[in-house]
Structures are given as C-alpha cells and as structure tokens.
Amino acid sequence: DSSTQKNDLQKKVADVLKDIKMEGTSKGELINFVVDKILTLKTKNAINGNIGKYLKDNEMHKRVCKAIKPLLKA
C-alpha cells in the first residue's frame, strides 16, 4: 500500500541523509520533499532538478543527490 511505501522510503531517505549537515532548511522538511519527489516524478533528472531548486545550494544539492542515488530506480 502506498502509505507503507512512503513510510519505508522516508526511513531510507532519512538514513542516507543523516550525515548531511543542514543550515536553514530543516532536515525533516528536506526528507519529506525528497520523498514526495521520488514518489511523484519519473526521472532522476527531474528529481535532481527539483531538489536543486529547493535547496539553492550547489554543494548541498550534490551531496543530497549523491546520497539518494541508490534509492532512485534507474
């Protein structure tokens, strides 16, 4: 069911992002944003692009995208 899928994904995203230091944006918000994009967008490029717009920080964007890469379907 989709809420179980979302909960599982939230745990995985929280786990891969746990070592990323955040300033300004709350990590909980970022996790929810990333989970939403993974569930609603079809391509890695679309997901990465949306995360980039959301974060507005190149270094952070690279780190987040690298961290979530294993969670994205090819």
C-alpha atoms as a PDB file:
ATOM      1  CA  ASP A   1       0.000   0.000   0.000  1.00  0.00           C
ATOM      2  CA  SER A   2       1.179   3.490  -0.773  1.00  0.00           C
ATOM      3  CA  SER A   3       1.441   4.780   2.805  1.00  0.00           C
ATOM      4  CA  THR A   4       3.669   1.831   3.720  1.00  0.00           C
ATOM      5  CA  GLN A   5       5.778   2.528   0.639  1.00  0.00           C
ATOM      6  CA  LYS A   6       6.021   6.197   1.657  1.00  0.00           C
ATOM      7  CA  ASN A   7       6.980   5.313   5.258  1.00  0.00           C
ATOM      8  CA  ASP A   8       9.653   2.880   4.063  1.00  0.00           C
ATOM      9  CA  LEU A   9      11.020   5.484   1.678  1.00  0.00           C
ATOM     10  CA  GLN A  10      11.031   8.145   4.415  1.00  0.00           C
ATOM     11  CA  LYS A  11      13.112   5.865   6.623  1.00  0.00           C
ATOM     12  CA  LYS A  12      15.556   5.166   3.794  1.00  0.00           C
ATOM     13  CA  VAL A  13      15.863   8.835   2.823  1.00  0.00           C
ATOM     14  CA  ALA A  14      16.304   9.866   6.475  1.00  0.00           C
ATOM     15  CA  ASP A  15      19.002   7.222   6.808  1.00  0.00           C
ATOM     16  CA  VAL A  16      21.005   8.274   3.724  1.00  0.00           C
ATOM     17  CA  LEU A  17      20.720  11.966   4.650  1.00  0.00           C
ATOM     18  CA  LYS A  18      21.602  11.545   8.336  1.00  0.00           C
ATOM     19  CA  ASP A  19      25.235  12.587   7.852  1.00  0.00           C
ATOM     20  CA  ILE A  20      24.433  15.702   5.834  1.00  0.00           C
ATOM     21  CA  LYS A  21      24.732  18.908   7.834  1.00  0.00           C
ATOM     22  CA  MET A  22      21.941  21.346   7.137  1.00  0.00           C
ATOM     23  CA  GLU A  23      21.651  25.061   7.597  1.00  0.00           C
ATOM     24  CA  GLY A  24      18.435  26.988   7.159  1.00  0.00           C
ATOM     25  CA  THR A  25      16.208  24.187   5.924  1.00  0.00           C
ATOM     26  CA  SER A  26      15.003  21.669   8.446  1.00  0.00           C
ATOM     27  CA  LYS A  27      16.087  18.136   7.695  1.00  0.00           C
ATOM     28  CA  GLY A  28      12.539  16.862   8.236  1.00  0.00           C
ATOM     29  CA  GLU A  29      11.255  19.215   5.539  1.00  0.00           C
ATOM     30  CA  LEU A  30      14.014  18.140   3.169  1.00  0.00           C
ATOM     31  CA  ILE A  31      13.270  14.457   3.782  1.00  0.00           C
ATOM     32  CA  ASN A  32       9.556  14.973   3.108  1.00  0.00           C
ATOM     33  CA  PHE A  33      10.340  16.988  -0.018  1.00  0.00           C
ATOM     34  CA  VAL A  34      12.726  14.342  -1.373  1.00  0.00           C
ATOM     35  CA  VAL A  35      10.275  11.503  -0.620  1.00  0.00           C
ATOM     36  CA  ASP A  36       7.480  13.387  -2.366  1.00  0.00           C
ATOM     37  CA  LYS A  37       9.638  13.985  -5.458  1.00  0.00           C
ATOM     38  CA  ILE A  38      10.816  10.362  -5.607  1.00  0.00           C
ATOM     39  CA  LEU A  39       7.206   9.170  -5.416  1.00  0.00           C
ATOM     40  CA  THR A  40       5.775  11.664  -7.911  1.00  0.00           C
ATOM     41  CA  LEU A  41       8.484  12.293 -10.501  1.00  0.00           C
ATOM     42  CA  LYS A  42       9.525   9.688 -13.036  1.00  0.00           C
ATOM     43  CA  THR A  43      13.163  10.523 -13.845  1.00  0.00           C
ATOM     44  CA  LYS A  44      16.353  11.049 -11.868  1.00  0.00           C
ATOM     45  CA  ASN A  45      16.908  14.301 -13.769  1.00  0.00           C
ATOM     46  CA  ALA A  46      13.507  15.654 -12.731  1.00  0.00           C
ATOM     47  CA  ILE A  47      14.073  14.642  -9.111  1.00  0.00           C
ATOM     48  CA  ASN A  48      17.595  16.120  -9.043  1.00  0.00           C
ATOM     49  CA  GLY A  49      16.410  19.317 -10.726  1.00  0.00           C
ATOM     50  CA  ASN A  50      13.622  19.809  -8.198  1.00  0.00           C
ATOM     51  CA  ILE A  51      15.980  19.199  -5.291  1.00  0.00           C
ATOM     52  CA  GLY A  52      18.375  21.762  -6.775  1.00  0.00           C
ATOM     53  CA  LYS A  53      15.624  24.382  -6.990  1.00  0.00           C
ATOM     54  CA  TYR A  54      14.527  23.562  -3.455  1.00  0.00           C
ATOM     55  CA  LEU A  55      17.977  23.740  -1.859  1.00  0.00           C
ATOM     56  CA  LYS A  56      19.519  26.595  -3.879  1.00  0.00           C
ATOM     57  CA  ASP A  57      22.933  25.412  -2.656  1.00  0.00           C
ATOM     58  CA  ASN A  58      25.185  23.591  -5.114  1.00  0.00           C
ATOM     59  CA  GLU A  59      27.284  21.711  -2.573  1.00  0.00           C
ATOM     60  CA  MET A  60      24.260  20.583  -0.600  1.00  0.00           C
ATOM     61  CA  HIS A  61      22.459  19.640  -3.827  1.00  0.00           C
ATOM     62  CA  LYS A  62      25.369  17.432  -4.921  1.00  0.00           C
ATOM     63  CA  ARG A  63      25.579  15.740  -1.532  1.00  0.00           C
ATOM     64  CA  VAL A  64      21.831  15.094  -1.309  1.00  0.00           C
ATOM     65  CA  CYS A  65      21.605  13.749  -4.876  1.00  0.00           C
ATOM     66  CA  LYS A  66      24.620  11.514  -4.332  1.00  0.00           C
ATOM     67  CA  ALA A  67      23.145  10.226  -1.076  1.00  0.00           C
ATOM     68  CA  ILE A  68      19.733   9.382  -2.559  1.00  0.00           C
ATOM     69  CA  LYS A  69      21.067   7.949  -5.824  1.00  0.00           C
ATOM     70  CA  PRO A  70      20.854   4.309  -4.629  1.00  0.00           C
ATOM     71  CA  LEU A  71      17.170   4.871  -3.768  1.00  0.00           C
ATOM     72  CA  LEU A  72      16.232   6.033  -7.255  1.00  0.00           C
ATOM     73  CA  LYS A  73      15.084   3.485  -9.777  1.00  0.00           C
ATOM     74  CA  ALA A  74      17.137   3.532 -12.952  1.00  0.00           C
END
